Protein backbone atom coordinates (compact mmCIF):
# COMPACT_ATOMS: atom_id res chain seq x y z
CA UNK A 1 0.00 0.00 0.00
CA UNK A 2 1.35 3.41 -1.04
CA UNK A 3 0.35 6.78 0.44
CA UNK A 4 0.61 10.44 -0.44
CA UNK A 5 1.82 12.56 2.49
CA UNK A 6 0.59 16.15 2.43
CA UNK A 7 0.49 18.97 4.94
CA UNK A 8 -1.72 21.86 5.92
CA UNK A 9 1.25 24.14 5.23
CA UNK A 10 4.99 24.15 4.83
CA UNK A 11 7.09 23.44 7.91
CA UNK A 12 4.47 21.28 9.65
CA UNK A 13 6.67 18.18 9.80
CA UNK A 14 5.92 16.17 6.64
CA UNK A 15 9.50 15.00 6.22
CA UNK A 16 9.92 14.23 9.92
CA UNK A 17 6.77 12.11 9.88
CA UNK A 18 7.61 10.44 6.56
CA UNK A 19 11.06 9.56 7.89
CA UNK A 20 9.52 8.17 11.06
CA UNK A 21 6.98 6.11 9.14
CA UNK A 22 9.58 4.65 6.78
CA UNK A 23 11.91 3.88 9.68
CA UNK A 24 9.21 2.13 11.71
CA UNK A 25 7.99 0.12 8.73
CA UNK A 26 11.50 -1.01 7.85
CA UNK A 27 12.04 -2.03 11.47
CA UNK A 28 9.01 -4.30 11.01
CA UNK A 29 10.71 -5.90 8.03
CA UNK A 30 8.66 -4.10 5.36
CA UNK A 31 10.17 -2.83 2.11
CA UNK A 32 9.24 0.81 2.73
CA UNK A 33 10.81 3.86 1.08
CA UNK A 34 10.17 7.58 0.90
CA UNK A 35 9.89 9.59 -2.30
CA UNK A 36 10.05 13.37 -2.76
CA UNK A 37 9.13 14.05 -6.41
CA UNK A 38 9.86 17.79 -6.28
CA UNK A 39 11.71 19.99 -3.79
CA UNK A 40 12.74 23.64 -3.62
CA UNK A 41 15.41 25.38 -1.59
CA UNK A 42 17.85 23.13 0.22
CA UNK A 43 17.71 19.42 -0.43
CA UNK A 44 17.56 18.25 3.17
CA UNK A 45 14.16 16.56 2.78
CA UNK A 46 15.35 14.36 -0.06
CA UNK A 47 18.59 13.56 1.73
CA UNK A 48 16.71 12.50 4.87
CA UNK A 49 14.36 10.25 2.92
CA UNK A 50 17.18 8.77 0.84
CA UNK A 51 19.11 7.88 4.00
CA UNK A 52 16.18 6.29 5.86
CA UNK A 53 15.16 4.35 2.73
CA UNK A 54 18.35 2.30 2.76
CA UNK A 55 20.74 4.97 1.49
CA UNK A 56 19.17 5.19 -1.95
CA UNK A 57 20.67 7.68 -4.46
CA UNK A 58 19.39 11.20 -3.86
CA UNK A 59 18.54 11.70 -7.54
CA UNK A 60 16.33 8.62 -7.40
CA UNK A 61 14.45 9.72 -4.29
CA UNK A 62 14.19 13.39 -5.31
CA UNK A 63 14.32 13.59 -9.13
CA UNK A 64 13.24 17.23 -9.52
CA UNK A 65 14.91 19.96 -7.48
CA UNK A 66 15.05 23.75 -7.65
CA UNK A 67 17.49 25.92 -5.71
CA UNK A 68 14.98 28.73 -5.07
CA UNK A 69 13.08 28.31 -1.75
CA UNK A 70 9.64 29.03 -3.23
CA UNK A 71 6.78 27.06 -4.76
CA UNK A 72 7.85 24.83 -7.70
CA UNK A 73 5.95 26.96 -10.23
CA UNK A 74 7.69 30.12 -9.04
CA UNK A 75 11.07 28.38 -8.82
CA UNK A 76 10.78 27.17 -12.40
CA UNK A 77 10.01 30.71 -13.56
CA UNK A 78 12.96 32.16 -11.62
CA UNK A 79 15.36 29.51 -12.91
CA UNK A 80 14.04 29.57 -16.49
CA UNK A 81 13.08 25.91 -16.40
CA UNK A 82 9.93 24.01 -17.22
CA UNK A 83 8.04 21.31 -15.37
CA UNK A 84 6.20 18.55 -17.21
CA UNK A 85 3.46 17.14 -14.96
CA UNK A 86 3.25 13.91 -16.94
CA UNK A 87 6.98 13.32 -16.43
CA UNK A 88 6.57 13.98 -12.69
CA UNK A 89 3.77 11.42 -12.45
CA UNK A 90 5.81 8.91 -14.44
CA UNK A 91 8.81 9.37 -12.13
CA UNK A 92 6.59 8.46 -9.18
CA UNK A 93 5.22 5.39 -10.88
CA UNK A 94 8.64 4.23 -12.05
CA UNK A 95 10.09 4.66 -8.56
CA UNK A 96 7.24 2.61 -7.08
CA UNK A 97 7.75 -0.39 -9.36
CA UNK A 98 8.74 -3.48 -7.40
CA UNK A 99 8.51 -1.75 -4.01
CA UNK A 100 6.11 -2.81 -1.27
CA UNK A 101 5.33 0.54 0.38
CA UNK A 102 6.13 3.97 -1.03
CA UNK A 103 5.36 7.15 0.90
CA UNK A 104 5.21 10.04 -1.58
CA UNK A 105 5.81 13.36 0.16
CA UNK A 106 4.37 16.49 -1.39
CA UNK A 107 5.87 19.98 -1.29
CA UNK A 108 4.35 22.51 1.09
CA UNK A 109 0.57 22.34 1.40
CA UNK A 110 -2.20 20.74 -0.64
CA UNK A 111 -2.65 23.50 -3.22
CA UNK A 112 0.96 24.52 -3.82
CA UNK A 113 1.36 25.24 -7.57
CA UNK A 114 3.68 23.03 -9.58
CA UNK A 115 2.81 24.85 -12.80
CA UNK A 116 0.33 27.61 -13.56
CA UNK A 117 -2.47 25.05 -13.89
CA UNK A 118 -1.17 21.97 -12.04
CA UNK A 119 -0.96 21.72 -8.27
CA UNK A 120 0.25 19.29 -5.59
CA UNK A 121 -3.37 18.20 -5.29
CA UNK A 122 -3.39 17.32 -9.01
CA UNK A 123 -0.26 15.20 -8.60
CA UNK A 124 -1.93 13.30 -5.75
CA UNK A 125 -5.05 12.88 -7.89
CA UNK A 126 -3.07 11.53 -10.85
CA UNK A 127 -1.28 9.06 -8.59
CA UNK A 128 -4.61 8.00 -7.07
CA UNK A 129 -3.15 7.35 -3.63
CA UNK A 130 -4.85 7.58 -0.25
CA UNK A 131 -3.71 10.74 1.52
CA UNK A 132 -2.28 11.14 5.01
CA UNK A 133 -2.57 14.72 6.26
CA UNK A 134 0.08 16.16 8.58
CA UNK A 135 -0.75 19.27 10.60
CA UNK A 136 1.21 21.24 13.18
CA UNK A 137 -0.71 20.98 16.45
CA UNK A 138 -1.37 24.61 17.34
CA UNK A 139 -4.01 27.33 17.39
CA UNK A 140 -5.59 27.47 13.92
CA UNK A 141 -5.02 23.78 13.19
CA UNK A 142 -8.73 22.94 13.20
CA UNK A 143 -9.47 25.41 10.41
CA UNK A 144 -6.51 24.34 8.31
CA UNK A 145 -7.23 20.63 8.79
CA UNK A 146 -10.94 20.85 7.96
CA UNK A 147 -10.30 22.94 4.85
CA UNK A 148 -7.62 20.53 3.62
CA UNK A 149 -9.70 17.42 4.35
CA UNK A 150 -12.58 18.95 2.36
CA UNK A 151 -10.21 19.74 -0.53
CA UNK A 152 -8.82 16.18 -0.52
CA UNK A 153 -12.33 14.73 -0.67
CA UNK A 154 -13.29 17.20 -3.43
CA UNK A 155 -10.52 15.65 -5.55
CA UNK A 156 -12.22 12.28 -5.14
CA UNK A 157 -9.40 10.98 -2.95
CA UNK A 158 -9.51 9.19 0.38
CA UNK A 159 -8.03 10.96 3.38
CA UNK A 160 -6.75 7.93 5.27
CA UNK A 161 -6.02 9.89 8.42
CA UNK A 162 -4.73 12.97 10.16
CA UNK A 163 -1.48 13.23 12.10
CA UNK A 164 -1.06 16.05 14.61
CA UNK A 165 2.58 16.97 14.98
CA UNK A 166 3.79 18.71 18.13
CA UNK A 167 6.48 21.22 17.14
CA UNK A 168 7.41 22.20 20.70
CA UNK A 169 7.40 20.69 24.18
CA UNK A 170 4.95 22.99 25.93
CA UNK A 171 1.23 22.58 25.20
CA UNK A 172 -1.52 25.18 25.45
CA UNK A 173 -5.31 24.67 25.44
CA UNK A 174 -5.72 24.36 21.62
CA UNK A 175 -2.91 21.81 21.47
CA UNK A 176 -4.52 19.74 24.24
CA UNK A 177 -8.04 19.84 22.82
CA UNK A 178 -7.49 19.66 19.03
CA UNK A 179 -7.43 15.86 18.81
CA UNK A 180 -10.69 15.36 20.69
CA UNK A 181 -12.48 18.17 18.88
CA UNK A 182 -11.50 16.78 15.49
CA UNK A 183 -13.27 13.52 16.35
CA UNK A 184 -16.52 15.50 16.57
CA UNK A 185 -15.93 17.60 13.45
CA UNK A 186 -14.76 15.10 10.85
CA UNK A 187 -15.09 11.42 10.00
CA UNK A 188 -11.36 11.23 9.22
CA UNK A 189 -9.50 9.56 12.10
CA UNK A 190 -6.62 11.20 13.94
CA UNK A 191 -4.11 8.39 13.59
CA UNK A 192 -1.45 9.85 15.83
CA UNK A 193 -0.50 12.84 17.93
CA UNK A 194 3.27 13.02 17.62
CA UNK A 195 4.81 14.65 20.65
CA UNK A 196 7.99 16.70 20.30
CA UNK A 197 10.99 14.44 19.54
CA UNK A 198 8.85 11.27 19.46
CA UNK A 199 10.53 8.38 17.62
CA UNK A 200 7.70 5.82 17.50
CA UNK A 201 4.22 5.60 15.96
CA UNK A 202 0.81 4.76 17.40
CA UNK A 203 -0.60 1.25 16.76
CA UNK A 204 -3.47 2.87 14.81
CA UNK A 205 -1.09 4.50 12.33
CA UNK A 206 1.03 1.38 12.01
CA UNK A 207 -2.11 -0.67 11.28
CA UNK A 208 -3.04 1.69 8.44
CA UNK A 209 0.47 1.67 6.98
CA UNK A 210 0.86 -2.11 7.19
CA UNK A 211 -2.63 -3.06 5.96
């Protein structure tokens, strides 16, 4: 089973969670790898996923990279390059051949533009994968999560679950209550609440990944 990992925004912990998921699956003896089809700015995300996936070549794990730390569409304009969506989809499919579990990590949030008329959401749609949504657990998370879940469903895709990621040690009232409130507001399960520096996954998330 493959999944598309998206976020409510940039910097919410997609790569951290993807690394953790790949690591835990491989510890269970599963052939799991991470894939970052497009990245912008530094290449740390791809390097992290390449390392945790059995030290795969960076160019294989992250085939399309731009130096500018902006959305792919903007980066391509700034660097006078073009992006072919069909080639991006094909790179994902080729990478997945012969592999048991591939976690495809998007760039930024759900509607980040890859071209003028093709977005991260379109890439997920073309791949047809169930989506796992990562959100930073903080004030405002409920709004961002509900909007993104609705957008995922509007694409005709399944949102397999939500992961709340704790970006700091201290917790305030929104951080404490977000998980419980989400259960009342959406039918999408919260599969895990990752505390700061956590290096394991909940049984619920592992069950979904290993199904």
